[in-house]
Amino acid sequence: MHITLLVVADCPNQQPAEHLLRQTLDDAGMASVPFDVRVVANQGDADRYGFTGSPTIQINGIDPFAQPGQPPAVACRVYPGGHGIPNALELRRALHQATADVAG
């Protein structure tokens, strides 16, 4: 499994997203799974990575929280409920789904 946390420089939600991701991986029995942090510096990067706002978590190159029709942008991201990071339960579901997809 390859996980990338995409952020813009000085994103106030980077550290909470890193903590959520690490804690969720640990709680899901995936403590040995690392993740990369990549800074999206410009619109070209946003287009290349399919980045729709900071922070974005990609699991095996897929954003499990992507909203259809949302264009790539160098911007902050708001998740459902008005939060700056995803819901922990939904992130855990996405991680388990990615594990099942790889195994299947």
PDB file of N, CA and C in Angstrom:
ATOM      1  N   MET A   1       0.846  -1.165   0.000  1.00  0.00           N
ATOM      2  CA  MET A   1       0.000   0.000   0.000  1.00  0.00           C
ATOM      3  C   MET A   1       0.894   1.231   0.000  1.00  0.00           C
ATOM      4  N   HIS A   2       0.556   2.184  -0.844  1.00  0.00           N
ATOM      5  CA  HIS A   2       1.317   3.428  -0.908  1.00  0.00           C
ATOM      6  C   HIS A   2       0.388   4.580  -0.556  1.00  0.00           C
ATOM      7  N   ILE A   3       0.754   5.329   0.472  1.00  0.00           N
ATOM      8  CA  ILE A   3      -0.073   6.438   0.946  1.00  0.00           C
ATOM      9  C   ILE A   3       0.730   7.723   0.850  1.00  0.00           C
ATOM     10  N   THR A   4       0.092   8.750   0.308  1.00  0.00           N
ATOM     11  CA  THR A   4       0.717  10.063   0.196  1.00  0.00           C
ATOM     12  C   THR A   4      -0.219  11.102   0.788  1.00  0.00           C
ATOM     13  N   LEU A   5       0.331  11.966   1.610  1.00  0.00           N
ATOM     14  CA  LEU A   5      -0.393  13.120   2.130  1.00  0.00           C
ATOM     15  C   LEU A   5       0.082  14.326   1.341  1.00  0.00           C
ATOM     16  N   LEU A   6      -0.819  14.916   0.590  1.00  0.00           N
ATOM     17  CA  LEU A   6      -0.503  16.085  -0.225  1.00  0.00           C
ATOM     18  C   LEU A   6      -0.969  17.340   0.508  1.00  0.00           C
ATOM     19  N   VAL A   7      -0.080  18.328   0.583  1.00  0.00           N
ATOM     20  CA  VAL A   7      -0.397  19.571   1.292  1.00  0.00           C
ATOM     21  C   VAL A   7       0.181  20.757   0.537  1.00  0.00           C
ATOM     22  N   VAL A   8      -0.338  21.928   0.837  1.00  0.00           N
ATOM     23  CA  VAL A   8       0.294  23.164   0.373  1.00  0.00           C
ATOM     24  C   VAL A   8       1.237  23.615   1.494  1.00  0.00           C
ATOM     25  N   ALA A   9       2.189  24.448   1.152  1.00  0.00           N
ATOM     26  CA  ALA A   9       3.132  24.959   2.150  1.00  0.00           C
ATOM     27  C   ALA A   9       2.377  25.669   3.269  1.00  0.00           C
ATOM     28  N   ASP A  10       2.804  25.439   4.485  1.00  0.00           N
ATOM     29  CA  ASP A  10       2.240  26.088   5.674  1.00  0.00           C
ATOM     30  C   ASP A  10       0.762  25.763   5.904  1.00  0.00           C
ATOM     31  N   CYS A  11       0.324  24.601   5.454  1.00  0.00           N
ATOM     32  CA  CYS A  11      -1.064  24.186   5.672  1.00  0.00           C
ATOM     33  C   CYS A  11      -1.313  23.991   7.168  1.00  0.00           C
ATOM     34  N   PRO A  12      -2.297  24.669   7.739  1.00  0.00           N
ATOM     35  CA  PRO A  12      -2.557  24.512   9.170  1.00  0.00           C
ATOM     36  C   PRO A  12      -3.110  23.124   9.529  1.00  0.00           C
ATOM     37  N   ASN A  13      -3.574  22.380   8.534  1.00  0.00           N
ATOM     38  CA  ASN A  13      -4.126  21.052   8.794  1.00  0.00           C
ATOM     39  C   ASN A  13      -3.150  19.919   8.488  1.00  0.00           C
ATOM     40  N   GLN A  14      -1.914  20.256   8.113  1.00  0.00           N
ATOM     41  CA  GLN A  14      -0.941  19.205   7.817  1.00  0.00           C
ATOM     42  C   GLN A  14      -0.661  18.348   9.044  1.00  0.00           C
ATOM     43  N   GLN A  15      -0.313  18.967  10.149  1.00  0.00           N
ATOM     44  CA  GLN A  15       0.024  18.196  11.341  1.00  0.00           C
ATOM     45  C   GLN A  15      -1.169  17.385  11.850  1.00  0.00           C
ATOM     46  N   PRO A  16      -2.384  17.961  11.942  1.00  0.00           N
ATOM     47  CA  PRO A  16      -3.525  17.134  12.348  1.00  0.00           C
ATOM     48  C   PRO A  16      -3.789  15.976  11.377  1.00  0.00           C
ATOM     49  N   ALA A  17      -3.585  16.204  10.080  1.00  0.00           N
ATOM     50  CA  ALA A  17      -3.790  15.134   9.097  1.00  0.00           C
ATOM     51  C   ALA A  17      -2.736  14.045   9.255  1.00  0.00           C
ATOM     52  N   GLU A  18      -1.485  14.428   9.496  1.00  0.00           N
ATOM     53  CA  GLU A  18      -0.430  13.441   9.724  1.00  0.00           C
ATOM     54  C   GLU A  18      -0.750  12.609  10.967  1.00  0.00           C
ATOM     55  N   HIS A  19      -1.174  13.274  12.018  1.00  0.00           N
ATOM     56  CA  HIS A  19      -1.507  12.572  13.261  1.00  0.00           C
ATOM     57  C   HIS A  19      -2.689  11.618  13.037  1.00  0.00           C
ATOM     58  N   LEU A  20      -3.740  12.095  12.376  1.00  0.00           N
ATOM     59  CA  LEU A  20      -4.896  11.258  12.086  1.00  0.00           C
ATOM     60  C   LEU A  20      -4.495  10.044  11.261  1.00  0.00           C
ATOM     61  N   LEU A  21      -3.702  10.254  10.234  1.00  0.00           N
ATOM     62  CA  LEU A  21      -3.284   9.168   9.357  1.00  0.00           C
ATOM     63  C   LEU A  21      -2.464   8.133  10.129  1.00  0.00           C
ATOM     64  N   ARG A  22      -1.492   8.588  10.908  1.00  0.00           N
ATOM     65  CA  ARG A  22      -0.660   7.651  11.669  1.00  0.00           C
ATOM     66  C   ARG A  22      -1.501   6.884  12.695  1.00  0.00           C
ATOM     67  N   GLN A  23      -2.356   7.596  13.418  1.00  0.00           N
ATOM     68  CA  GLN A  23      -3.184   6.969  14.440  1.00  0.00           C
ATOM     69  C   GLN A  23      -4.149   5.960  13.820  1.00  0.00           C
ATOM     70  N   THR A  24      -4.739   6.310  12.690  1.00  0.00           N
ATOM     71  CA  THR A  24      -5.692   5.420  12.030  1.00  0.00           C
ATOM     72  C   THR A  24      -4.988   4.182  11.497  1.00  0.00           C
ATOM     73  N   LEU A  25      -3.820   4.357  10.912  1.00  0.00           N
ATOM     74  CA  LEU A  25      -3.046   3.201  10.455  1.00  0.00           C
ATOM     75  C   LEU A  25      -2.699   2.292  11.635  1.00  0.00           C
ATOM     76  N   ASP A  26      -2.238   2.881  12.719  1.00  0.00           N
ATOM     77  CA  ASP A  26      -1.868   2.098  13.896  1.00  0.00           C
ATOM     78  C   ASP A  26      -3.077   1.337  14.443  1.00  0.00           C
ATOM     79  N   ASP A  27      -4.193   2.038  14.587  1.00  0.00           N
ATOM     80  CA  ASP A  27      -5.409   1.428  15.135  1.00  0.00           C
ATOM     81  C   ASP A  27      -5.965   0.328  14.228  1.00  0.00           C
ATOM     82  N   ALA A  28      -5.684   0.426  12.937  1.00  0.00           N
ATOM     83  CA  ALA A  28      -6.186  -0.560  11.973  1.00  0.00           C
ATOM     84  C   ALA A  28      -5.232  -1.744  11.812  1.00  0.00           C
ATOM     85  N   GLY A  29      -4.190  -1.788  12.632  1.00  0.00           N
ATOM     86  CA  GLY A  29      -3.232  -2.887  12.538  1.00  0.00           C
ATOM     87  C   GLY A  29      -2.247  -2.729  11.396  1.00  0.00           C
ATOM     88  N   MET A  30      -2.067  -1.494  10.943  1.00  0.00           N
ATOM     89  CA  MET A  30      -1.170  -1.204   9.821  1.00  0.00           C
ATOM     90  C   MET A  30      -0.021  -0.299  10.265  1.00  0.00           C
ATOM     91  N   ALA A  31       0.469  -0.530  11.473  1.00  0.00           N
ATOM     92  CA  ALA A  31       1.507   0.332  12.036  1.00  0.00           C
ATOM     93  C   ALA A  31       2.777   0.365  11.192  1.00  0.00           C
ATOM     94  N   SER A  32       3.028  -0.698  10.446  1.00  0.00           N
ATOM     95  CA  SER A  32       4.255  -0.747   9.643  1.00  0.00           C
ATOM     96  C   SER A  32       4.112  -0.028   8.295  1.00  0.00           C
ATOM     97  N   VAL A  33       2.911   0.437   7.975  1.00  0.00           N
ATOM     98  CA  VAL A  33       2.694   1.115   6.691  1.00  0.00           C
ATOM     99  C   VAL A  33       3.126   2.574   6.819  1.00  0.00           C
ATOM    100  N   PRO A  34       4.115   2.986   6.021  1.00  0.00           N
ATOM    101  CA  PRO A  34       4.553   4.379   6.060  1.00  0.00           C
ATOM    102  C   PRO A  34       3.696   5.242   5.127  1.00  0.00           C
ATOM    103  N   PHE A  35       3.868   6.533   5.230  1.00  0.00           N
ATOM    104  CA  PHE A  35       3.258   7.436   4.253  1.00  0.00           C
ATOM    105  C   PHE A  35       4.224   8.568   3.957  1.00  0.00           C
ATOM    106  N   ASP A  36       4.096   9.095   2.753  1.00  0.00           N
ATOM    107  CA  ASP A  36       4.926  10.211   2.306  1.00  0.00           C
ATOM    108  C   ASP A  36       4.125  11.498   2.437  1.00  0.00           C
ATOM    109  N   VAL A  37       4.832  12.593   2.647  1.00  0.00           N
ATOM    110  CA  VAL A  37       4.219  13.915   2.628  1.00  0.00           C
ATOM    111  C   VAL A  37       4.825  14.662   1.449  1.00  0.00           C
ATOM    112  N   ARG A  38       3.968  15.186   0.606  1.00  0.00           N
ATOM    113  CA  ARG A  38       4.437  15.908  -0.578  1.00  0.00           C
ATOM    114  C   ARG A  38       3.785  17.294  -0.594  1.00  0.00           C
ATOM    115  N   VAL A  39       4.594  18.326  -0.809  1.00  0.00           N
ATOM    116  CA  VAL A  39       4.094  19.694  -0.894  1.00  0.00           C
ATOM    117  C   VAL A  39       3.735  20.003  -2.341  1.00  0.00           C
ATOM    118  N   VAL A  40       2.521  20.470  -2.528  1.00  0.00           N
ATOM    119  CA  VAL A  40       2.038  20.878  -3.851  1.00  0.00           C
ATOM    120  C   VAL A  40       2.320  22.373  -3.967  1.00  0.00           C
ATOM    121  N   ALA A  41       3.235  22.719  -4.873  1.00  0.00           N
ATOM    122  CA  ALA A  41       3.737  24.086  -4.928  1.00  0.00           C
ATOM    123  C   ALA A  41       3.014  24.996  -5.912  1.00  0.00           C
ATOM    124  N   ASN A  42       2.374  24.401  -6.933  1.00  0.00           N
ATOM    125  CA  ASN A  42       1.769  25.243  -7.964  1.00  0.00           C
ATOM    126  C   ASN A  42       0.640  24.485  -8.675  1.00  0.00           C
ATOM    127  N   GLN A  43      -0.030  25.175  -9.578  1.00  0.00           N
ATOM    128  CA  GLN A  43      -1.161  24.576 -10.280  1.00  0.00           C
ATOM    129  C   GLN A  43      -0.740  23.373 -11.123  1.00  0.00           C
ATOM    130  N   GLY A  44       0.460  23.413 -11.675  1.00  0.00           N
ATOM    131  CA  GLY A  44       0.957  22.271 -12.443  1.00  0.00           C
ATOM    132  C   GLY A  44       1.046  21.020 -11.582  1.00  0.00           C
ATOM    133  N   ASP A  45       1.548  21.173 -10.343  1.00  0.00           N
ATOM    134  CA  ASP A  45       1.589  20.055  -9.405  1.00  0.00           C
ATOM    135  C   ASP A  45       0.179  19.578  -9.074  1.00  0.00           C
ATOM    136  N   ALA A  46      -0.723  20.529  -8.839  1.00  0.00           N
ATOM    137  CA  ALA A  46      -2.112  20.177  -8.504  1.00  0.00           C
ATOM    138  C   ALA A  46      -2.733  19.359  -9.630  1.00  0.00           C
ATOM    139  N   ASP A  47      -2.515  19.779 -10.867  1.00  0.00           N
ATOM    140  CA  ASP A  47      -3.044  19.047 -12.021  1.00  0.00           C
ATOM    141  C   ASP A  47      -2.432  17.649 -12.099  1.00  0.00           C
ATOM    142  N   ARG A  48      -1.132  17.556 -11.916  1.00  0.00           N
ATOM    143  CA  ARG A  48      -0.403  16.291 -12.027  1.00  0.00           C
ATOM    144  C   ARG A  48      -0.859  15.278 -10.976  1.00  0.00           C
ATOM    145  N   TYR A  49      -1.099  15.747  -9.755  1.00  0.00           N
ATOM    146  CA  TYR A  49      -1.458  14.846  -8.657  1.00  0.00           C
ATOM    147  C   TYR A  49      -2.964  14.708  -8.448  1.00  0.00           C
ATOM    148  N   GLY A  50      -3.768  15.453  -9.208  1.00  0.00           N
ATOM    149  CA  GLY A  50      -5.207  15.411  -8.987  1.00  0.00           C
ATOM    150  C   GLY A  50      -5.575  15.982  -7.621  1.00  0.00           C
ATOM    151  N   PHE A  51      -4.837  16.997  -7.229  1.00  0.00           N
ATOM    152  CA  PHE A  51      -4.942  17.618  -5.908  1.00  0.00           C
ATOM    153  C   PHE A  51      -6.062  18.649  -5.895  1.00  0.00           C
ATOM    154  N   THR A  52      -7.050  18.422  -5.016  1.00  0.00           N
ATOM    155  CA  THR A  52      -8.186  19.351  -4.970  1.00  0.00           C
ATOM    156  C   THR A  52      -8.211  20.178  -3.693  1.00  0.00           C
ATOM    157  N   GLY A  53      -7.147  20.143  -2.935  1.00  0.00           N
ATOM    158  CA  GLY A  53      -7.055  20.979  -1.747  1.00  0.00           C
ATOM    159  C   GLY A  53      -6.252  20.314  -0.657  1.00  0.00           C
ATOM    160  N   SER A  54      -5.752  21.142   0.241  1.00  0.00           N
ATOM    161  CA  SER A  54      -4.864  20.687   1.303  1.00  0.00           C
ATOM    162  C   SER A  54      -5.619  20.551   2.618  1.00  0.00           C
ATOM    163  N   PRO A  55      -5.464  19.408   3.255  1.00  0.00           N
ATOM    164  CA  PRO A  55      -4.687  18.225   2.924  1.00  0.00           C
ATOM    165  C   PRO A  55      -5.505  17.220   2.115  1.00  0.00           C
ATOM    166  N   THR A  56      -4.812  16.489   1.255  1.00  0.00           N
ATOM    167  CA  THR A  56      -5.422  15.400   0.494  1.00  0.00           C
ATOM    168  C   THR A  56      -4.647  14.128   0.801  1.00  0.00           C
ATOM    169  N   ILE A  57      -5.365  13.074   1.117  1.00  0.00           N
ATOM    170  CA  ILE A  57      -4.758  11.771   1.345  1.00  0.00           C
ATOM    171  C   ILE A  57      -5.032  10.908   0.129  1.00  0.00           C
ATOM    172  N   GLN A  58      -3.973  10.379  -0.459  1.00  0.00           N
ATOM    173  CA  GLN A  58      -4.117   9.450  -1.577  1.00  0.00           C
ATOM    174  C   GLN A  58      -3.642   8.076  -1.135  1.00  0.00           C
ATOM    175  N   ILE A  59      -4.465   7.082  -1.410  1.00  0.00           N
ATOM    176  CA  ILE A  59      -4.137   5.703  -1.088  1.00  0.00           C
ATOM    177  C   ILE A  59      -3.998   4.958  -2.405  1.00  0.00           C
ATOM    178  N   ASN A  60      -2.796   4.479  -2.682  1.00  0.00           N
ATOM    179  CA  ASN A  60      -2.499   3.831  -3.970  1.00  0.00           C
ATOM    180  C   ASN A  60      -2.875   4.737  -5.137  1.00  0.00           C
ATOM    181  N   GLY A  61      -2.589   6.031  -4.970  1.00  0.00           N
ATOM    182  CA  GLY A  61      -2.811   7.002  -6.030  1.00  0.00           C
ATOM    183  C   GLY A  61      -4.240   7.498  -6.164  1.00  0.00           C
ATOM    184  N   ILE A  62      -5.128   7.069  -5.268  1.00  0.00           N
ATOM    185  CA  ILE A  62      -6.536   7.448  -5.358  1.00  0.00           C
ATOM    186  C   ILE A  62      -6.931   8.260  -4.128  1.00  0.00           C
ATOM    187  N   ASP A  63      -7.658   9.334  -4.364  1.00  0.00           N
ATOM    188  CA  ASP A  63      -8.206  10.148  -3.288  1.00  0.00           C
ATOM    189  C   ASP A  63      -9.569   9.571  -2.918  1.00  0.00           C
ATOM    190  N   PRO A  64      -9.673   8.848  -1.795  1.00  0.00           N
ATOM    191  CA  PRO A  64     -10.948   8.228  -1.451  1.00  0.00           C
ATOM    192  C   PRO A  64     -12.037   9.224  -1.052  1.00  0.00           C
ATOM    193  N   PHE A  65     -11.663  10.479  -0.884  1.00  0.00           N
ATOM    194  CA  PHE A  65     -12.611  11.509  -0.487  1.00  0.00           C
ATOM    195  C   PHE A  65     -12.903  12.489  -1.625  1.00  0.00           C
ATOM    196  N   ALA A  66     -12.491  12.127  -2.831  1.00  0.00           N
ATOM    197  CA  ALA A  66     -12.689  13.005  -3.986  1.00  0.00           C
ATOM    198  C   ALA A  66     -14.170  13.262  -4.214  1.00  0.00           C
ATOM    199  N   GLN A  67     -14.467  14.482  -4.592  1.00  0.00           N
ATOM    200  CA  GLN A  67     -15.834  14.848  -4.933  1.00  0.00           C
ATOM    201  C   GLN A  67     -15.901  15.032  -6.438  1.00  0.00           C
ATOM    202  N   PRO A  68     -16.816  14.321  -7.099  1.00  0.00           N
ATOM    203  CA  PRO A  68     -16.916  14.397  -8.560  1.00  0.00           C
ATOM    204  C   PRO A  68     -17.028  15.843  -9.048  1.00  0.00           C
ATOM    205  N   GLY A  69     -16.265  16.127 -10.082  1.00  0.00           N
ATOM    206  CA  GLY A  69     -16.311  17.449 -10.706  1.00  0.00           C
ATOM    207  C   GLY A  69     -15.466  18.504 -10.029  1.00  0.00           C
ATOM    208  N   GLN A  70     -14.826  18.170  -8.934  1.00  0.00           N
ATOM    209  CA  GLN A  70     -13.976  19.133  -8.229  1.00  0.00           C
ATOM    210  C   GLN A  70     -12.665  19.269  -8.991  1.00  0.00           C
ATOM    211  N   PRO A  71     -12.361  20.450  -9.532  1.00  0.00           N
ATOM    212  CA  PRO A  71     -11.138  20.606 -10.313  1.00  0.00           C
ATOM    213  C   PRO A  71      -9.897  20.703  -9.424  1.00  0.00           C
ATOM    214  N   PRO A  72      -8.748  20.286  -9.951  1.00  0.00           N
ATOM    215  CA  PRO A  72      -7.505  20.454  -9.202  1.00  0.00           C
ATOM    216  C   PRO A  72      -7.255  21.921  -8.892  1.00  0.00           C
ATOM    217  N   ALA A  73      -6.765  22.194  -7.672  1.00  0.00           N
ATOM    218  CA  ALA A  73      -6.517  23.573  -7.270  1.00  0.00           C
ATOM    219  C   ALA A  73      -5.538  23.622  -6.112  1.00  0.00           C
ATOM    220  N   VAL A  74      -4.741  24.666  -6.080  1.00  0.00           N
ATOM    221  CA  VAL A  74      -3.849  24.929  -4.955  1.00  0.00           C
ATOM    222  C   VAL A  74      -4.683  25.725  -3.956  1.00  0.00           C
ATOM    223  N   ALA A  75      -5.269  25.015  -3.002  1.00  0.00           N
ATOM    224  CA  ALA A  75      -6.224  25.632  -2.092  1.00  0.00           C
ATOM    225  C   ALA A  75      -6.307  24.822  -0.807  1.00  0.00           C
ATOM    226  N   CYS A  76      -7.035  25.340   0.153  1.00  0.00           N
ATOM    227  CA  CYS A  76      -7.360  24.582   1.357  1.00  0.00           C
ATOM    228  C   CYS A  76      -8.549  23.693   1.039  1.00  0.00           C
ATOM    229  N   ARG A  77      -8.684  22.636   1.795  1.00  0.00           N
ATOM    230  CA  ARG A  77      -9.772  21.689   1.564  1.00  0.00           C
ATOM    231  C   ARG A  77     -10.643  21.611   2.813  1.00  0.00           C
ATOM    232  N   VAL A  78     -11.940  21.523   2.576  1.00  0.00           N
ATOM    233  CA  VAL A  78     -12.886  21.337   3.661  1.00  0.00           C
ATOM    234  C   VAL A  78     -13.587  20.007   3.425  1.00  0.00           C
ATOM    235  N   TYR A  79     -13.571  19.163   4.441  1.00  0.00           N
ATOM    236  CA  TYR A  79     -14.207  17.851   4.362  1.00  0.00           C
ATOM    237  C   TYR A  79     -15.639  17.948   4.873  1.00  0.00           C
ATOM    238  N   PRO A  80     -16.460  16.930   4.595  1.00  0.00           N
ATOM    239  CA  PRO A  80     -17.844  16.950   5.080  1.00  0.00           C
ATOM    240  C   PRO A  80     -17.901  17.260   6.577  1.00  0.00           C
ATOM    241  N   GLY A  81     -18.874  18.042   6.936  1.00  0.00           N
ATOM    242  CA  GLY A  81     -18.997  18.463   8.331  1.00  0.00           C
ATOM    243  C   GLY A  81     -18.220  19.732   8.625  1.00  0.00           C
ATOM    244  N   GLY A  82     -17.565  20.300   7.589  1.00  0.00           N
ATOM    245  CA  GLY A  82     -16.827  21.540   7.755  1.00  0.00           C
ATOM    246  C   GLY A  82     -15.470  21.391   8.408  1.00  0.00           C
ATOM    247  N   HIS A  83     -14.936  20.177   8.395  1.00  0.00           N
ATOM    248  CA  HIS A  83     -13.650  19.927   9.037  1.00  0.00           C
ATOM    249  C   HIS A  83     -12.500  20.033   8.037  1.00  0.00           C
ATOM    250  N   GLY A  84     -11.302  20.318   8.562  1.00  0.00           N
ATOM    251  CA  GLY A  84     -10.120  20.451   7.732  1.00  0.00           C
ATOM    252  C   GLY A  84      -9.386  19.147   7.483  1.00  0.00           C
ATOM    253  N   ILE A  85      -9.857  18.057   8.116  1.00  0.00           N
ATOM    254  CA  ILE A  85      -9.292  16.725   7.887  1.00  0.00           C
ATOM    255  C   ILE A  85     -10.453  15.738   7.774  1.00  0.00           C
ATOM    256  N   PRO A  86     -10.198  14.580   7.171  1.00  0.00           N
ATOM    257  CA  PRO A  86     -11.280  13.609   7.039  1.00  0.00           C
ATOM    258  C   PRO A  86     -11.706  13.031   8.394  1.00  0.00           C
ATOM    259  N   ASN A  87     -12.866  12.439   8.407  1.00  0.00           N
ATOM    260  CA  ASN A  87     -13.381  11.719   9.555  1.00  0.00           C
ATOM    261  C   ASN A  87     -12.560  10.441   9.736  1.00  0.00           C
ATOM    262  N   ALA A  88     -12.160  10.125  10.970  1.00  0.00           N
ATOM    263  CA  ALA A  88     -11.310   8.962  11.238  1.00  0.00           C
ATOM    264  C   ALA A  88     -11.970   7.656  10.807  1.00  0.00           C
ATOM    265  N   LEU A  89     -13.263   7.511  11.041  1.00  0.00           N
ATOM    266  CA  LEU A  89     -13.966   6.283  10.663  1.00  0.00           C
ATOM    267  C   LEU A  89     -13.973   6.110   9.145  1.00  0.00           C
ATOM    268  N   GLU A  90     -14.211   7.193   8.424  1.00  0.00           N
ATOM    269  CA  GLU A  90     -14.200   7.120   6.960  1.00  0.00           C
ATOM    270  C   GLU A  90     -12.804   6.829   6.421  1.00  0.00           C
ATOM    271  N   LEU A  91     -11.776   7.386   7.061  1.00  0.00           N
ATOM    272  CA  LEU A  91     -10.406   7.095   6.655  1.00  0.00           C
ATOM    273  C   LEU A  91     -10.091   5.621   6.889  1.00  0.00           C
ATOM    274  N   ARG A  92     -10.510   5.089   8.011  1.00  0.00           N
ATOM    275  CA  ARG A  92     -10.276   3.672   8.290  1.00  0.00           C
ATOM    276  C   ARG A  92     -10.967   2.797   7.248  1.00  0.00           C
ATOM    277  N   ARG A  93     -12.191   3.145   6.898  1.00  0.00           N
ATOM    278  CA  ARG A  93     -12.910   2.394   5.855  1.00  0.00           C
ATOM    279  C   ARG A  93     -12.149   2.439   4.534  1.00  0.00           C
ATOM    280  N   ALA A  94     -11.630   3.610   4.186  1.00  0.00           N
ATOM    281  CA  ALA A  94     -10.879   3.754   2.934  1.00  0.00           C
ATOM    282  C   ALA A  94      -9.618   2.900   2.953  1.00  0.00           C
ATOM    283  N   LEU A  95      -8.934   2.861   4.078  1.00  0.00           N
ATOM    284  CA  LEU A  95      -7.721   2.037   4.196  1.00  0.00           C
ATOM    285  C   LEU A  95      -8.068   0.556   4.064  1.00  0.00           C
ATOM    286  N   HIS A  96      -9.115   0.130   4.722  1.00  0.00           N
ATOM    287  CA  HIS A  96      -9.521  -1.280   4.622  1.00  0.00           C
ATOM    288  C   HIS A  96      -9.968  -1.622   3.204  1.00  0.00           C
ATOM    289  N   GLN A  97     -10.670  -0.708   2.543  1.00  0.00           N
ATOM    290  CA  GLN A  97     -11.091  -0.944   1.170  1.00  0.00           C
ATOM    291  C   GLN A  97      -9.878  -1.077   0.250  1.00  0.00           C
ATOM    292  N   ALA A  98      -8.886  -0.225   0.447  1.00  0.00           N
ATOM    293  CA  ALA A  98      -7.674  -0.289  -0.373  1.00  0.00           C
ATOM    294  C   ALA A  98      -6.946  -1.607  -0.139  1.00  0.00           C
ATOM    295  N   THR A  99      -6.929  -2.071   1.096  1.00  0.00           N
ATOM    296  CA  THR A  99      -6.307  -3.363   1.404  1.00  0.00           C
ATOM    297  C   THR A  99      -7.060  -4.490   0.709  1.00  0.00           C
ATOM    298  N   ALA A 100      -8.372  -4.433   0.739  1.00  0.00           N
ATOM    299  CA  ALA A 100      -9.193  -5.467   0.085  1.00  0.00           C
ATOM    300  C   ALA A 100      -9.001  -5.423  -1.431  1.00  0.00           C
ATOM    301  N   ASP A 101      -8.897  -4.217  -1.988  1.00  0.00           N
ATOM    302  CA  ASP A 101      -8.696  -4.081  -3.448  1.00  0.00           C
ATOM    303  C   ASP A 101      -7.377  -4.698  -3.879  1.00  0.00           C
ATOM    304  N   VAL A 102      -6.326  -4.494  -3.071  1.00  0.00           N
ATOM    305  CA  VAL A 102      -5.008  -5.054  -3.394  1.00  0.00           C
ATOM    306  C   VAL A 102      -5.029  -6.566  -3.267  1.00  0.00           C
ATOM    307  N   ALA A 103      -5.692  -7.077  -2.235  1.00  0.00           N
ATOM    308  CA  ALA A 103      -5.740  -8.512  -1.990  1.00  0.00           C
ATOM    309  C   ALA A 103      -6.638  -9.233  -2.975  1.00  0.00           C
ATOM    310  N   GLY A 104      -7.667  -8.522  -3.483  1.00  0.00           N
ATOM    311  CA  GLY A 104      -8.671  -9.156  -4.334  1.00  0.00           C
ATOM    312  C   GLY A 104      -8.204  -9.341  -5.707  1.00  0.00           C
TER     313      GLY A 104
END
